[in-house]
């Protein structure tokens, strides 16, 4: 239970950081939270890790 709460808080912080650093729009930040939560729920930590690598690499390419 505590692990699930920690993962959700991590996803929330990451999506808000994307908005704060102007990597995402506000609606993109909301969508990132929903997709991240769904990936964590469906695929666990490793699915979230793959999604995080995708977000990081696509953000680097768009700078």
PDB file of N, CA and C in Angstrom:
ATOM      1  N   UNK A   1       0.817  -1.195   0.000  1.00  0.00           N
ATOM      2  CA  UNK A   1       0.000   0.000   0.000  1.00  0.00           C
ATOM      3  C   UNK A   1       0.857   1.254   0.000  1.00  0.00           C
ATOM      4  N   UNK A   2       1.866   1.278   0.867  1.00  0.00           N
ATOM      5  CA  UNK A   2       2.743   2.442   0.952  1.00  0.00           C
ATOM      6  C   UNK A   2       3.547   2.612  -0.326  1.00  0.00           C
ATOM      7  N   UNK A   3       3.917   1.492  -0.947  1.00  0.00           N
ATOM      8  CA  UNK A   3       4.664   1.548  -2.203  1.00  0.00           C
ATOM      9  C   UNK A   3       3.801   2.157  -3.310  1.00  0.00           C
ATOM     10  N   UNK A   4       2.536   1.830  -3.358  1.00  0.00           N
ATOM     11  CA  UNK A   4       1.627   2.382  -4.368  1.00  0.00           C
ATOM     12  C   UNK A   4       1.462   3.879  -4.200  1.00  0.00           C
ATOM     13  N   UNK A   5       1.347   4.319  -2.955  1.00  0.00           N
ATOM     14  CA  UNK A   5       1.218   5.758  -2.694  1.00  0.00           C
ATOM     15  C   UNK A   5       2.489   6.484  -3.107  1.00  0.00           C
ATOM     16  N   UNK A   6       3.640   5.903  -2.827  1.00  0.00           N
ATOM     17  CA  UNK A   6       4.913   6.517  -3.204  1.00  0.00           C
ATOM     18  C   UNK A   6       5.039   6.628  -4.724  1.00  0.00           C
ATOM     19  N   UNK A   7       4.593   5.612  -5.451  1.00  0.00           N
ATOM     20  CA  UNK A   7       4.662   5.640  -6.913  1.00  0.00           C
ATOM     21  C   UNK A   7       3.737   6.719  -7.465  1.00  0.00           C
ATOM     22  N   UNK A   8       2.534   6.841  -6.925  1.00  0.00           N
ATOM     23  CA  UNK A   8       1.598   7.866  -7.384  1.00  0.00           C
ATOM     24  C   UNK A   8       2.153   9.262  -7.100  1.00  0.00           C
ATOM     25  N   UNK A   9       2.744   9.461  -5.936  1.00  0.00           N
ATOM     26  CA  UNK A   9       3.347  10.766  -5.610  1.00  0.00           C
ATOM     27  C   UNK A   9       4.502  11.059  -6.554  1.00  0.00           C
ATOM     28  N   UNK A  10       5.316  10.055  -6.864  1.00  0.00           N
ATOM     29  CA  UNK A  10       6.417  10.235  -7.806  1.00  0.00           C
ATOM     30  C   UNK A  10       5.902  10.624  -9.194  1.00  0.00           C
ATOM     31  N   UNK A  11       4.844   9.978  -9.652  1.00  0.00           N
ATOM     32  CA  UNK A  11       4.260  10.303 -10.951  1.00  0.00           C
ATOM     33  C   UNK A  11       3.720  11.730 -10.939  1.00  0.00           C
ATOM     34  N   UNK A  12       3.068  12.120  -9.861  1.00  0.00           N
ATOM     35  CA  UNK A  12       2.531  13.476  -9.742  1.00  0.00           C
ATOM     36  C   UNK A  12       3.646  14.512  -9.769  1.00  0.00           C
ATOM     37  N   UNK A  13       4.705  14.287  -9.025  1.00  0.00           N
ATOM     38  CA  UNK A  13       5.837  15.224  -9.001  1.00  0.00           C
ATOM     39  C   UNK A  13       6.482  15.318 -10.373  1.00  0.00           C
ATOM     40  N   UNK A  14       6.642  14.189 -11.053  1.00  0.00           N
ATOM     41  CA  UNK A  14       7.252  14.181 -12.384  1.00  0.00           C
ATOM     42  C   UNK A  14       6.398  14.925 -13.391  1.00  0.00           C
ATOM     43  N   UNK A  15       5.091  14.727 -13.361  1.00  0.00           N
ATOM     44  CA  UNK A  15       4.217  15.415 -14.309  1.00  0.00           C
ATOM     45  C   UNK A  15       4.175  16.911 -14.016  1.00  0.00           C
ATOM     46  N   UNK A  16       4.185  17.304 -12.751  1.00  0.00           N
ATOM     47  CA  UNK A  16       4.216  18.728 -12.417  1.00  0.00           C
ATOM     48  C   UNK A  16       5.559  19.358 -12.767  1.00  0.00           C
ATOM     49  N   UNK A  17       6.641  18.609 -12.624  1.00  0.00           N
ATOM     50  CA  UNK A  17       7.956  19.119 -13.013  1.00  0.00           C
ATOM     51  C   UNK A  17       8.029  19.343 -14.526  1.00  0.00           C
ATOM     52  N   UNK A  18       7.417  18.447 -15.287  1.00  0.00           N
ATOM     53  CA  UNK A  18       7.358  18.636 -16.736  1.00  0.00           C
ATOM     54  C   UNK A  18       6.626  19.909 -17.110  1.00  0.00           C
ATOM     55  N   UNK A  19       5.567  20.224 -16.375  1.00  0.00           N
ATOM     56  CA  UNK A  19       4.834  21.468 -16.614  1.00  0.00           C
ATOM     57  C   UNK A  19       5.661  22.672 -16.154  1.00  0.00           C
ATOM     58  N   UNK A  20       6.301  22.569 -15.002  1.00  0.00           N
ATOM     59  CA  UNK A  20       7.091  23.671 -14.447  1.00  0.00           C
ATOM     60  C   UNK A  20       8.251  24.040 -15.376  1.00  0.00           C
ATOM     61  N   UNK A  21       8.921  23.056 -15.936  1.00  0.00           N
ATOM     62  CA  UNK A  21      10.050  23.312 -16.821  1.00  0.00           C
ATOM     63  C   UNK A  21       9.628  23.511 -18.272  1.00  0.00           C
ATOM     64  N   UNK A  22       8.332  23.641 -18.502  1.00  0.00           N
ATOM     65  CA  UNK A  22       7.742  23.912 -19.810  1.00  0.00           C
ATOM     66  C   UNK A  22       8.056  22.828 -20.844  1.00  0.00           C
ATOM     67  N   UNK A  23       8.156  21.594 -20.364  1.00  0.00           N
ATOM     68  CA  UNK A  23       8.288  20.455 -21.261  1.00  0.00           C
ATOM     69  C   UNK A  23       6.917  19.926 -21.650  1.00  0.00           C
ATOM     70  N   UNK A  24       5.901  20.250 -20.819  1.00  0.00           N
ATOM     71  CA  UNK A  24       4.528  19.830 -21.047  1.00  0.00           C
ATOM     72  C   UNK A  24       3.595  21.023 -20.863  1.00  0.00           C
ATOM     73  N   UNK A  25       2.473  20.995 -21.559  1.00  0.00           N
ATOM     74  CA  UNK A  25       1.411  21.948 -21.274  1.00  0.00           C
ATOM     75  C   UNK A  25       0.653  21.459 -20.047  1.00  0.00           C
ATOM     76  N   UNK A  26      -0.300  22.256 -19.572  1.00  0.00           N
ATOM     77  CA  UNK A  26      -1.070  21.827 -18.405  1.00  0.00           C
ATOM     78  C   UNK A  26      -1.872  20.566 -18.716  1.00  0.00           C
ATOM     79  N   UNK A  27      -2.504  20.551 -19.881  1.00  0.00           N
ATOM     80  CA  UNK A  27      -3.269  19.352 -20.240  1.00  0.00           C
ATOM     81  C   UNK A  27      -2.335  18.170 -20.493  1.00  0.00           C
ATOM     82  N   UNK A  28      -1.146  18.422 -21.001  1.00  0.00           N
ATOM     83  CA  UNK A  28      -0.164  17.356 -21.179  1.00  0.00           C
ATOM     84  C   UNK A  28       0.316  16.803 -19.856  1.00  0.00           C
ATOM     85  N   UNK A  29       0.402  17.673 -18.854  1.00  0.00           N
ATOM     86  CA  UNK A  29       0.791  17.233 -17.523  1.00  0.00           C
ATOM     87  C   UNK A  29      -0.279  16.329 -16.910  1.00  0.00           C
ATOM     88  N   UNK A  30      -1.532  16.689 -17.113  1.00  0.00           N
ATOM     89  CA  UNK A  30      -2.630  15.847 -16.617  1.00  0.00           C
ATOM     90  C   UNK A  30      -2.627  14.498 -17.342  1.00  0.00           C
ATOM     91  N   UNK A  31      -2.437  14.542 -18.661  1.00  0.00           N
ATOM     92  CA  UNK A  31      -2.395  13.297 -19.436  1.00  0.00           C
ATOM     93  C   UNK A  31      -1.200  12.433 -19.021  1.00  0.00           C
ATOM     94  N   UNK A  32      -0.054  13.066 -18.748  1.00  0.00           N
ATOM     95  CA  UNK A  32       1.122  12.317 -18.317  1.00  0.00           C
ATOM     96  C   UNK A  32       0.872  11.622 -16.983  1.00  0.00           C
ATOM     97  N   UNK A  33       0.156  12.297 -16.089  1.00  0.00           N
ATOM     98  CA  UNK A  33      -0.179  11.672 -14.806  1.00  0.00           C
ATOM     99  C   UNK A  33      -1.087  10.458 -15.009  1.00  0.00           C
ATOM    100  N   UNK A  34      -2.098  10.615 -15.858  1.00  0.00           N
ATOM    101  CA  UNK A  34      -3.040   9.518 -16.097  1.00  0.00           C
ATOM    102  C   UNK A  34      -2.339   8.341 -16.771  1.00  0.00           C
ATOM    103  N   UNK A  35      -1.543   8.619 -17.793  1.00  0.00           N
ATOM    104  CA  UNK A  35      -0.832   7.550 -18.501  1.00  0.00           C
ATOM    105  C   UNK A  35       0.199   6.889 -17.585  1.00  0.00           C
ATOM    106  N   UNK A  36       0.903   7.695 -16.794  1.00  0.00           N
ATOM    107  CA  UNK A  36       1.872   7.133 -15.858  1.00  0.00           C
ATOM    108  C   UNK A  36       1.228   6.253 -14.809  1.00  0.00           C
ATOM    109  N   UNK A  37       0.088   6.690 -14.285  1.00  0.00           N
ATOM    110  CA  UNK A  37      -0.623   5.882 -13.292  1.00  0.00           C
ATOM    111  C   UNK A  37      -1.137   4.583 -13.915  1.00  0.00           C
ATOM    112  N   UNK A  38      -1.628   4.670 -15.145  1.00  0.00           N
ATOM    113  CA  UNK A  38      -2.109   3.462 -15.824  1.00  0.00           C
ATOM    114  C   UNK A  38      -0.960   2.502 -16.114  1.00  0.00           C
ATOM    115  N   UNK A  39       0.185   3.041 -16.533  1.00  0.00           N
ATOM    116  CA  UNK A  39       1.346   2.189 -16.809  1.00  0.00           C
ATOM    117  C   UNK A  39       1.854   1.533 -15.529  1.00  0.00           C
ATOM    118  N   UNK A  40       1.878   2.288 -14.443  1.00  0.00           N
ATOM    119  CA  UNK A  40       2.326   1.720 -13.165  1.00  0.00           C
ATOM    120  C   UNK A  40       1.357   0.658 -12.673  1.00  0.00           C
ATOM    121  N   UNK A  41       0.070   0.881 -12.870  1.00  0.00           N
ATOM    122  CA  UNK A  41      -0.938  -0.081 -12.424  1.00  0.00           C
ATOM    123  C   UNK A  41      -0.905  -1.346 -13.287  1.00  0.00           C
ATOM    124  N   UNK A  42      -0.750  -1.162 -14.605  1.00  0.00           N
ATOM    125  CA  UNK A  42      -0.802  -2.304 -15.509  1.00  0.00           C
ATOM    126  C   UNK A  42       0.502  -3.069 -15.626  1.00  0.00           C
ATOM    127  N   UNK A  43       1.616  -2.339 -15.631  1.00  0.00           N
ATOM    128  CA  UNK A  43       2.902  -2.984 -15.892  1.00  0.00           C
ATOM    129  C   UNK A  43       3.873  -2.911 -14.727  1.00  0.00           C
ATOM    130  N   UNK A  44       3.500  -2.229 -13.686  1.00  0.00           N
ATOM    131  CA  UNK A  44       4.362  -2.135 -12.519  1.00  0.00           C
ATOM    132  C   UNK A  44       5.500  -1.154 -12.721  1.00  0.00           C
ATOM    133  N   UNK A  45       6.512  -1.320 -11.895  1.00  0.00           N
ATOM    134  CA  UNK A  45       7.644  -0.400 -11.899  1.00  0.00           C
ATOM    135  C   UNK A  45       8.392  -0.397 -13.225  1.00  0.00           C
ATOM    136  N   UNK A  46       8.543  -1.553 -13.849  1.00  0.00           N
ATOM    137  CA  UNK A  46       9.308  -1.615 -15.090  1.00  0.00           C
ATOM    138  C   UNK A  46       8.606  -0.925 -16.255  1.00  0.00           C
ATOM    139  N   UNK A  47       7.300  -0.995 -16.299  1.00  0.00           N
ATOM    140  CA  UNK A  47       6.546  -0.259 -17.305  1.00  0.00           C
ATOM    141  C   UNK A  47       6.691   1.237 -17.115  1.00  0.00           C
ATOM    142  N   UNK A  48       6.683   1.661 -15.858  1.00  0.00           N
ATOM    143  CA  UNK A  48       6.873   3.076 -15.546  1.00  0.00           C
ATOM    144  C   UNK A  48       8.286   3.524 -15.895  1.00  0.00           C
ATOM    145  N   UNK A  49       9.241   2.646 -15.710  1.00  0.00           N
ATOM    146  CA  UNK A  49      10.627   2.957 -16.049  1.00  0.00           C
ATOM    147  C   UNK A  49      10.789   3.151 -17.556  1.00  0.00           C
ATOM    148  N   UNK A  50      10.199   2.293 -18.364  1.00  0.00           N
ATOM    149  CA  UNK A  50      10.255   2.429 -19.821  1.00  0.00           C
ATOM    150  C   UNK A  50       9.586   3.728 -20.255  1.00  0.00           C
ATOM    151  N   UNK A  51       8.450   4.036 -19.677  1.00  0.00           N
ATOM    152  CA  UNK A  51       7.746   5.279 -19.986  1.00  0.00           C
ATOM    153  C   UNK A  51       8.586   6.490 -19.595  1.00  0.00           C
ATOM    154  N   UNK A  52       9.267   6.417 -18.470  1.00  0.00           N
ATOM    155  CA  UNK A  52      10.139   7.510 -18.028  1.00  0.00           C
ATOM    156  C   UNK A  52      11.316   7.723 -18.955  1.00  0.00           C
ATOM    157  N   UNK A  53      11.915   6.634 -19.435  1.00  0.00           N
ATOM    158  CA  UNK A  53      13.013   6.769 -20.400  1.00  0.00           C
ATOM    159  C   UNK A  53      12.524   7.392 -21.708  1.00  0.00           C
ATOM    160  N   UNK A  54      11.340   7.014 -22.130  1.00  0.00           N
ATOM    161  CA  UNK A  54      10.772   7.605 -23.335  1.00  0.00           C
ATOM    162  C   UNK A  54      10.551   9.107 -23.150  1.00  0.00           C
ATOM    163  N   UNK A  55       9.977   9.504 -22.018  1.00  0.00           N
ATOM    164  CA  UNK A  55       9.730  10.918 -21.754  1.00  0.00           C
ATOM    165  C   UNK A  55      11.039  11.699 -21.708  1.00  0.00           C
ATOM    166  N   UNK A  56      12.032  11.167 -21.031  1.00  0.00           N
ATOM    167  CA  UNK A  56      13.321  11.857 -20.921  1.00  0.00           C
ATOM    168  C   UNK A  56      14.006  12.002 -22.263  1.00  0.00           C
ATOM    169  N   UNK A  57      14.015  10.935 -23.062  1.00  0.00           N
ATOM    170  CA  UNK A  57      14.683  11.009 -24.361  1.00  0.00           C
ATOM    171  C   UNK A  57      13.937  11.913 -25.322  1.00  0.00           C
ATOM    172  N   UNK A  58      12.618  11.880 -25.315  1.00  0.00           N
ATOM    173  CA  UNK A  58      11.866  12.757 -26.222  1.00  0.00           C
ATOM    174  C   UNK A  58      11.989  14.215 -25.783  1.00  0.00           C
ATOM    175  N   UNK A  59      12.116  14.473 -24.501  1.00  0.00           N
ATOM    176  CA  UNK A  59      12.316  15.839 -24.034  1.00  0.00           C
ATOM    177  C   UNK A  59      13.685  16.365 -24.439  1.00  0.00           C
ATOM    178  N   UNK A  60      14.695  15.500 -24.391  1.00  0.00           N
ATOM    179  CA  UNK A  60      16.034  15.923 -24.813  1.00  0.00           C
ATOM    180  C   UNK A  60      16.078  16.209 -26.311  1.00  0.00           C
ATOM    181  N   UNK A  61      15.386  15.411 -27.103  1.00  0.00           N
ATOM    182  CA  UNK A  61      15.380  15.615 -28.548  1.00  0.00           C
ATOM    183  C   UNK A  61      14.622  16.876 -28.951  1.00  0.00           C
ATOM    184  N   UNK A  62      13.688  17.322 -28.126  1.00  0.00           N
ATOM    185  CA  UNK A  62      12.871  18.475 -28.501  1.00  0.00           C
ATOM    186  C   UNK A  62      13.477  19.801 -28.076  1.00  0.00           C
ATOM    187  N   UNK A  63      14.575  19.781 -27.358  1.00  0.00           N
ATOM    188  CA  UNK A  63      15.215  21.035 -26.907  1.00  0.00           C
ATOM    189  C   UNK A  63      15.962  21.685 -28.054  1.00  0.00           C
TER     190      UNK A  63
END
